[in-house]
């Protein structure tokens, strides 16, 4: 960063500066952790020599807190993939289950938005389409922050909800499905060639949550990339021009992800991640009746504190998935 001409390429320089900041913060965390551990070792030694059981209990409690922090720091060390430090484009879609699933997709939108906010990430809603009766048909968000894609890639997949339906007059138990997809936002440093002749651009009136003018003009934009069939839309802005720019940004991210998977011969994994949003394909179960439990089908991690989880308290699950994925990659279980 001290070299002459470093800022001649602002996008590249900005990315390197952000990386330097992230690494500096990681070192500060590690140094702080070591200092706290050394202090506890000293306190523990003194408490043992003096036979102070009360002080020992406090030391044990602090060690448990440090253990949780150690697991979190360890998880961050696992985020070393080529795109783990990128921002992300996140999509949510309902699956089998009609109105139930549309409502479940909106619940997931709230849950993940709260999770992003808890981590201090910046969230921008690019597109949202309301369901016919309740919930949403789709939502697209841009999420920015340190190691966003690395943390979110394990959340990609189908999420299954079991609850007493608020839409059933007989209040029966229903099962609903919704899916989350995430793509690294590579707009600033990866060139994706897009032929204008390969695009179909449609404009329409926004149907989601909007402001005074958003829902009264044909400002929303939908772009279809004909060779791949990838479709994106944006209706966040009142201006058709800005909506088209945002939609192109999402399209570039999705195409970059598509071509990356092709280059890495991961088509089978890609198809697995986009299986039917229905029975047998879920990565996580959320049960609200007859008992209350959230359980990850891959790691086995579970919690009965469903309310906190749906309010965005996901860190333990996300970090467990990072460790599970790392182990799977290093033992060859995914081959």
Protein backbone atom coordinates (compact mmCIF):
# COMPACT_ATOMS: atom_id res chain seq x y z
CA UNK A 1 0.00 0.00 0.00
CA UNK A 2 3.00 2.31 0.46
CA UNK A 3 4.13 1.95 -3.13
CA UNK A 4 3.88 4.92 -5.50
CA UNK A 5 0.82 4.71 -7.74
CA UNK A 6 -1.07 2.40 -5.38
CA UNK A 7 -4.26 4.45 -5.77
CA UNK A 8 -4.01 4.67 -9.58
CA UNK A 9 -6.45 1.76 -9.74
CA UNK A 10 -9.07 2.79 -7.12
CA UNK A 11 -11.19 -0.42 -7.20
CA UNK A 12 -8.16 -2.68 -6.77
CA UNK A 13 -6.60 -0.37 -4.17
CA UNK A 14 -9.85 -0.17 -2.22
CA UNK A 15 -10.12 -3.95 -2.14
CA UNK A 16 -6.53 -4.33 -0.90
CA UNK A 17 -7.06 -1.64 1.74
CA UNK A 18 -10.19 -3.44 2.96
CA UNK A 19 -8.23 -6.71 3.09
CA UNK A 20 -5.48 -5.02 5.11
CA UNK A 21 -8.08 -3.71 7.55
CA UNK A 22 -9.67 -7.16 7.88
CA UNK A 23 -6.32 -8.85 8.53
CA UNK A 24 -5.39 -6.15 11.06
CA UNK A 25 -8.64 -6.73 12.91
CA UNK A 26 -8.04 -10.48 12.89
CA UNK A 27 -4.59 -9.98 14.42
CA UNK A 28 -6.05 -7.70 17.08
CA UNK A 29 -8.62 -10.35 17.97
CA UNK A 30 -5.94 -13.04 18.22
CA UNK A 31 -3.64 -10.86 20.34
CA UNK A 32 -6.51 -9.85 22.63
CA UNK A 33 -7.50 -13.51 23.02
CA UNK A 34 -3.94 -14.49 24.02
CA UNK A 35 -3.75 -11.65 26.55
CA UNK A 36 -7.06 -12.64 28.16
CA UNK A 37 -6.00 -16.29 28.31
CA UNK A 38 -2.69 -15.35 29.97
CA UNK A 39 -4.55 -13.26 32.57
CA UNK A 40 -6.90 -16.15 33.33
CA UNK A 41 -3.99 -18.57 33.72
CA UNK A 42 -2.45 -16.23 36.27
CA UNK A 43 -5.75 -15.77 38.12
CA UNK A 44 -6.38 -19.50 38.10
CA UNK A 45 -2.93 -20.21 39.53
CA UNK A 46 -3.46 -17.71 42.31
CA UNK A 47 -6.93 -19.09 43.11
CA UNK A 48 -5.54 -22.65 43.30
CA UNK A 49 -2.67 -21.68 45.56
CA UNK A 50 -5.00 -19.78 47.89
CA UNK A 51 -7.79 -22.36 47.76
CA UNK A 52 -10.31 -19.69 46.65
CA UNK A 53 -13.20 -21.73 45.21
CA UNK A 54 -15.27 -18.63 44.39
CA UNK A 55 -12.48 -17.17 42.28
CA UNK A 56 -11.96 -20.53 40.57
CA UNK A 57 -15.63 -20.63 39.55
CA UNK A 58 -15.26 -17.20 37.94
CA UNK A 59 -12.15 -18.36 36.08
CA UNK A 60 -13.99 -21.43 34.78
CA UNK A 61 -16.90 -19.26 33.60
CA UNK A 62 -14.49 -16.94 31.78
CA UNK A 63 -12.73 -19.94 30.20
CA UNK A 64 -16.07 -21.15 28.84
CA UNK A 65 -16.64 -17.71 27.30
CA UNK A 66 -13.16 -17.76 25.77
CA UNK A 67 -13.82 -21.25 24.40
CA UNK A 68 -16.81 -19.93 22.46
CA UNK A 69 -14.65 -17.09 21.12
CA UNK A 70 -11.92 -19.58 20.17
CA UNK A 71 -14.42 -21.56 18.10
CA UNK A 72 -15.50 -18.37 16.36
CA UNK A 73 -11.89 -17.40 15.59
CA UNK A 74 -11.17 -20.91 14.33
CA UNK A 75 -14.15 -20.69 11.98
CA UNK A 76 -12.81 -17.47 10.51
CA UNK A 77 -9.51 -19.22 9.73
CA UNK A 78 -11.47 -21.72 7.63
CA UNK A 79 -12.74 -18.93 5.38
CA UNK A 80 -9.86 -19.02 2.92
CA UNK A 81 -11.68 -19.96 -0.29
CA UNK A 82 -11.19 -17.86 -3.44
CA UNK A 83 -14.48 -15.97 -2.95
CA UNK A 84 -14.98 -16.21 0.81
CA UNK A 85 -14.08 -12.56 1.40
CA UNK A 86 -16.48 -11.27 -1.26
CA UNK A 87 -19.80 -9.53 -0.72
CA UNK A 88 -22.85 -11.56 -1.72
CA UNK A 89 -26.06 -11.46 -3.71
CA UNK A 90 -28.72 -13.38 -1.75
CA UNK A 91 -32.01 -14.71 -3.13
CA UNK A 92 -34.97 -16.22 -1.27
CA UNK A 93 -37.71 -18.27 -2.95
CA UNK A 94 -40.72 -20.21 -1.61
CA UNK A 95 -41.19 -23.83 -2.63
CA UNK A 96 -43.87 -26.47 -2.28
CA UNK A 97 -46.63 -25.35 0.04
CA UNK A 98 -48.44 -22.42 -1.63
CA UNK A 99 -49.31 -19.51 0.66
CA UNK A 100 -47.68 -21.32 3.57
CA UNK A 101 -44.32 -21.37 1.80
CA UNK A 102 -44.63 -17.77 0.64
CA UNK A 103 -45.15 -16.75 4.28
CA UNK A 104 -42.22 -18.96 5.34
CA UNK A 105 -39.99 -17.29 2.73
CA UNK A 106 -40.86 -13.90 4.22
CA UNK A 107 -40.05 -15.22 7.71
CA UNK A 108 -36.64 -16.34 6.41
CA UNK A 109 -36.13 -12.92 4.83
CA UNK A 110 -36.67 -11.30 8.22
CA UNK A 111 -34.46 -13.87 9.98
CA UNK A 112 -31.51 -13.43 7.64
CA UNK A 113 -31.89 -9.64 7.56
CA UNK A 114 -31.66 -9.63 11.37
CA UNK A 115 -28.61 -11.92 11.18
CA UNK A 116 -26.90 -9.56 8.71
CA UNK A 117 -27.64 -6.61 10.96
CA UNK A 118 -26.33 -8.44 14.04
CA UNK A 119 -23.00 -8.93 12.26
CA UNK A 120 -22.87 -5.27 11.25
CA UNK A 121 -23.17 -6.03 7.52
CA UNK A 122 -24.83 -3.60 5.14
CA UNK A 123 -28.01 -4.92 3.53
CA UNK A 124 -29.73 -3.54 0.46
CA UNK A 125 -33.05 -4.93 -0.78
CA UNK A 126 -32.79 -5.05 -4.57
CA UNK A 127 -36.07 -6.80 -5.37
CA UNK A 128 -39.09 -8.19 -3.57
CA UNK A 129 -42.30 -9.62 -5.05
CA UNK A 130 -45.26 -10.11 -2.74
CA UNK A 131 -47.21 -13.35 -2.60
CA UNK A 132 -50.80 -13.56 -3.85
CA UNK A 133 -52.29 -13.84 -0.35
CA UNK A 134 -49.34 -13.45 2.04
CA UNK A 135 -45.58 -13.66 2.19
CA UNK A 136 -43.28 -13.25 -0.82
CA UNK A 137 -42.70 -14.90 -4.17
CA UNK A 138 -39.06 -13.79 -4.24
CA UNK A 139 -36.55 -11.39 -2.72
CA UNK A 140 -33.03 -10.37 -3.74
CA UNK A 141 -30.56 -8.62 -1.44
CA UNK A 142 -27.03 -7.24 -1.73
CA UNK A 143 -25.07 -7.94 1.45
CA UNK A 144 -21.74 -6.24 2.13
CA UNK A 145 -19.22 -6.86 4.89
CA UNK A 146 -16.16 -8.93 5.85
CA UNK A 147 -16.26 -12.59 4.74
CA UNK A 148 -19.94 -12.37 3.79
CA UNK A 149 -20.00 -15.00 1.05
CA UNK A 150 -17.79 -17.34 3.06
CA UNK A 151 -20.27 -17.34 5.93
CA UNK A 152 -23.37 -17.53 3.75
CA UNK A 153 -22.37 -20.31 1.36
CA UNK A 154 -23.27 -22.91 4.00
CA UNK A 155 -26.77 -21.44 4.29
CA UNK A 156 -27.52 -22.19 0.63
CA UNK A 157 -30.25 -24.78 0.32
CA UNK A 158 -33.78 -25.70 1.31
CA UNK A 159 -35.24 -24.81 4.71
CA UNK A 160 -38.26 -26.79 6.03
CA UNK A 161 -40.86 -25.44 8.47
CA UNK A 162 -43.44 -27.43 10.44
CA UNK A 163 -46.11 -25.45 12.32
CA UNK A 164 -49.81 -25.01 12.98
CA UNK A 165 -50.97 -23.03 9.97
CA UNK A 166 -52.30 -19.49 10.54
CA UNK A 167 -53.96 -19.80 7.11
CA UNK A 168 -55.90 -23.00 7.88
CA UNK A 169 -59.36 -22.44 9.39
CA UNK A 170 -59.01 -25.78 11.18
CA UNK A 171 -55.57 -24.81 12.51
CA UNK A 172 -53.95 -28.00 11.26
CA UNK A 173 -50.24 -28.73 11.09
CA UNK A 174 -48.56 -27.86 7.77
CA UNK A 175 -45.10 -28.33 6.29
CA UNK A 176 -43.58 -25.53 4.19
CA UNK A 177 -40.39 -25.10 2.20
CA UNK A 178 -38.29 -22.15 1.08
CA UNK A 179 -34.78 -21.84 -0.33
CA UNK A 180 -31.85 -19.47 0.00
CA UNK A 181 -29.24 -19.01 -2.74
CA UNK A 182 -26.08 -16.91 -2.44
CA UNK A 183 -23.59 -15.78 -5.08
CA UNK A 184 -20.29 -13.90 -4.61
CA UNK A 185 -20.74 -10.29 -5.76
CA UNK A 186 -17.80 -10.10 -8.18
CA UNK A 187 -18.92 -6.98 -10.02
CA UNK A 188 -15.82 -4.91 -9.26
CA UNK A 189 -13.02 -7.32 -10.18
CA UNK A 190 -14.33 -9.99 -12.55
CA UNK A 191 -15.19 -9.22 -16.13
CA UNK A 192 -18.13 -11.20 -17.46
CA UNK A 193 -18.77 -10.77 -21.15
CA UNK A 194 -22.46 -10.28 -21.81
CA UNK A 195 -23.69 -9.93 -25.38
CA UNK A 196 -26.62 -7.51 -25.56
CA UNK A 197 -28.20 -9.83 -28.13
CA UNK A 198 -28.36 -12.57 -25.49
CA UNK A 199 -30.57 -10.47 -23.22
CA UNK A 200 -34.32 -10.00 -23.05
CA UNK A 201 -35.27 -6.94 -21.04
CA UNK A 202 -38.84 -6.54 -19.73
CA UNK A 203 -40.19 -3.58 -17.76
CA UNK A 204 -43.21 -3.82 -15.49
CA UNK A 205 -44.91 -2.22 -12.53
CA UNK A 206 -43.47 -3.05 -9.13
CA UNK A 207 -45.59 -5.43 -7.05
CA UNK A 208 -43.62 -5.56 -3.82
CA UNK A 209 -43.28 -3.20 -0.89
CA UNK A 210 -42.77 0.25 -2.36
CA UNK A 211 -42.85 3.94 -1.78
CA UNK A 212 -45.09 6.59 -3.16
CA UNK A 213 -44.12 6.23 -6.83
CA UNK A 214 -42.57 2.78 -6.93
CA UNK A 215 -45.82 0.94 -7.57
CA UNK A 216 -47.39 3.46 -9.97
CA UNK A 217 -44.92 3.46 -12.89
CA UNK A 218 -43.31 0.79 -15.07
CA UNK A 219 -39.95 1.21 -13.35
CA UNK A 220 -39.23 -2.43 -12.43
CA UNK A 221 -36.87 -4.33 -14.74
CA UNK A 222 -36.51 -8.04 -15.47
CA UNK A 223 -33.53 -9.29 -17.49
CA UNK A 224 -33.28 -12.81 -18.92
CA UNK A 225 -29.96 -14.19 -20.15
CA UNK A 226 -31.21 -16.39 -22.98
CA UNK A 227 -28.24 -18.81 -23.34
CA UNK A 228 -28.34 -19.84 -19.67
CA UNK A 229 -31.97 -19.07 -18.83
CA UNK A 230 -30.87 -17.05 -15.77
CA UNK A 231 -33.46 -14.39 -14.90
CA UNK A 232 -33.00 -11.47 -12.51
CA UNK A 233 -35.18 -8.50 -11.64
CA UNK A 234 -34.96 -5.31 -9.63
CA UNK A 235 -37.69 -2.94 -8.47
CA UNK A 236 -36.00 -1.23 -5.56
CA UNK A 237 -35.55 2.18 -7.20
CA UNK A 238 -38.12 4.56 -8.69
CA UNK A 239 -35.96 4.99 -11.79
CA UNK A 240 -36.04 2.34 -14.52
CA UNK A 241 -32.43 3.27 -15.35
CA UNK A 242 -31.14 2.48 -11.86
CA UNK A 243 -33.20 -0.69 -11.62
CA UNK A 244 -31.63 -1.89 -14.87
CA UNK A 245 -28.15 -1.12 -13.53
CA UNK A 246 -28.85 -3.10 -10.35
CA UNK A 247 -30.35 -5.99 -12.33
CA UNK A 248 -27.25 -6.13 -14.55
CA UNK A 249 -25.09 -6.22 -11.45
CA UNK A 250 -27.01 -9.19 -10.07
CA UNK A 251 -26.87 -10.88 -13.49
CA UNK A 252 -23.09 -10.46 -13.65
CA UNK A 253 -22.75 -12.02 -10.20
CA UNK A 254 -24.92 -14.97 -11.13
CA UNK A 255 -23.19 -15.52 -14.47
CA UNK A 256 -19.77 -15.32 -12.82
CA UNK A 257 -20.91 -17.95 -10.32
CA UNK A 258 -22.36 -20.07 -13.14
CA UNK A 259 -19.15 -19.98 -15.19
CA UNK A 260 -17.01 -20.54 -12.10
CA UNK A 261 -18.90 -23.74 -11.38
CA UNK A 262 -18.46 -24.84 -14.98
CA UNK A 263 -14.71 -24.21 -14.86
CA UNK A 264 -14.37 -26.11 -11.59
CA UNK A 265 -16.53 -28.97 -12.88
CA UNK A 266 -18.92 -28.57 -9.97
CA UNK A 267 -22.11 -28.90 -11.97
CA UNK A 268 -23.20 -31.83 -9.83
CA UNK A 269 -22.83 -29.74 -6.67
CA UNK A 270 -24.68 -26.87 -8.30
CA UNK A 271 -27.59 -29.10 -9.18
CA UNK A 272 -27.62 -30.54 -5.67
CA UNK A 273 -27.82 -27.04 -4.21
CA UNK A 274 -30.80 -26.29 -6.43
CA UNK A 275 -32.83 -29.42 -5.92
CA UNK A 276 -36.58 -29.25 -5.67
CA UNK A 277 -37.67 -26.97 -2.82
CA UNK A 278 -39.62 -29.81 -1.22
CA UNK A 279 -39.37 -33.03 0.82
CA UNK A 280 -36.00 -34.73 1.16
CA UNK A 281 -33.82 -31.81 0.08
CA UNK A 282 -33.75 -29.63 3.19
CA UNK A 283 -30.53 -28.58 4.95
CA UNK A 284 -32.36 -27.49 8.10
CA UNK A 285 -35.64 -28.28 9.86
CA UNK A 286 -37.60 -25.71 11.86
CA UNK A 287 -40.30 -27.35 13.99
CA UNK A 288 -42.77 -25.14 15.88
CA UNK A 289 -45.31 -27.90 16.64
CA UNK A 290 -45.76 -30.38 18.35
CA UNK A 291 -42.39 -29.39 19.92
CA UNK A 292 -40.01 -26.49 19.27
CA UNK A 293 -36.67 -27.25 17.66
CA UNK A 294 -34.32 -26.09 14.91
CA UNK A 295 -31.92 -28.79 13.68
CA UNK A 296 -29.33 -28.79 10.91
CA UNK A 297 -29.51 -32.01 8.92
CA UNK A 298 -25.78 -31.88 8.01
CA UNK A 299 -24.05 -31.04 11.30
CA UNK A 300 -26.65 -32.28 13.77
CA UNK A 301 -26.49 -28.96 15.65
CA UNK A 302 -29.84 -28.07 17.20
CA UNK A 303 -31.52 -25.57 19.50
CA UNK A 304 -34.86 -25.34 21.29
CA UNK A 305 -34.61 -21.54 21.47
CA UNK A 306 -36.50 -21.13 18.21
CA UNK A 307 -37.51 -17.51 18.86
CA UNK A 308 -33.89 -16.36 19.21
CA UNK A 309 -32.92 -18.30 16.09
CA UNK A 310 -35.69 -16.77 13.99
CA UNK A 311 -34.55 -13.39 15.32
CA UNK A 312 -31.16 -13.88 13.66
CA UNK A 313 -29.08 -15.69 16.29
CA UNK A 314 -27.45 -18.04 13.75
CA UNK A 315 -23.74 -17.85 14.53
CA UNK A 316 -23.43 -21.26 16.23
CA UNK A 317 -25.10 -22.99 13.27
CA UNK A 318 -23.10 -21.08 10.65
CA UNK A 319 -19.78 -21.82 12.36
CA UNK A 320 -20.65 -25.51 12.83
CA UNK A 321 -21.37 -25.73 9.11
CA UNK A 322 -17.99 -24.12 8.30
CA UNK A 323 -16.20 -26.76 10.38
CA UNK A 324 -18.33 -29.53 8.86
CA UNK A 325 -17.57 -28.35 5.30
CA UNK A 326 -13.85 -28.06 6.06
CA UNK A 327 -13.74 -31.59 7.45
CA UNK A 328 -15.74 -32.91 4.51
CA UNK A 329 -13.38 -31.32 1.98
CA UNK A 330 -10.25 -32.60 3.74
CA UNK A 331 -11.47 -36.17 4.23
CA UNK A 332 -12.82 -36.49 0.69
CA UNK A 333 -16.34 -37.28 1.88
CA UNK A 334 -17.79 -35.08 -0.86
CA UNK A 335 -16.31 -37.20 -3.64
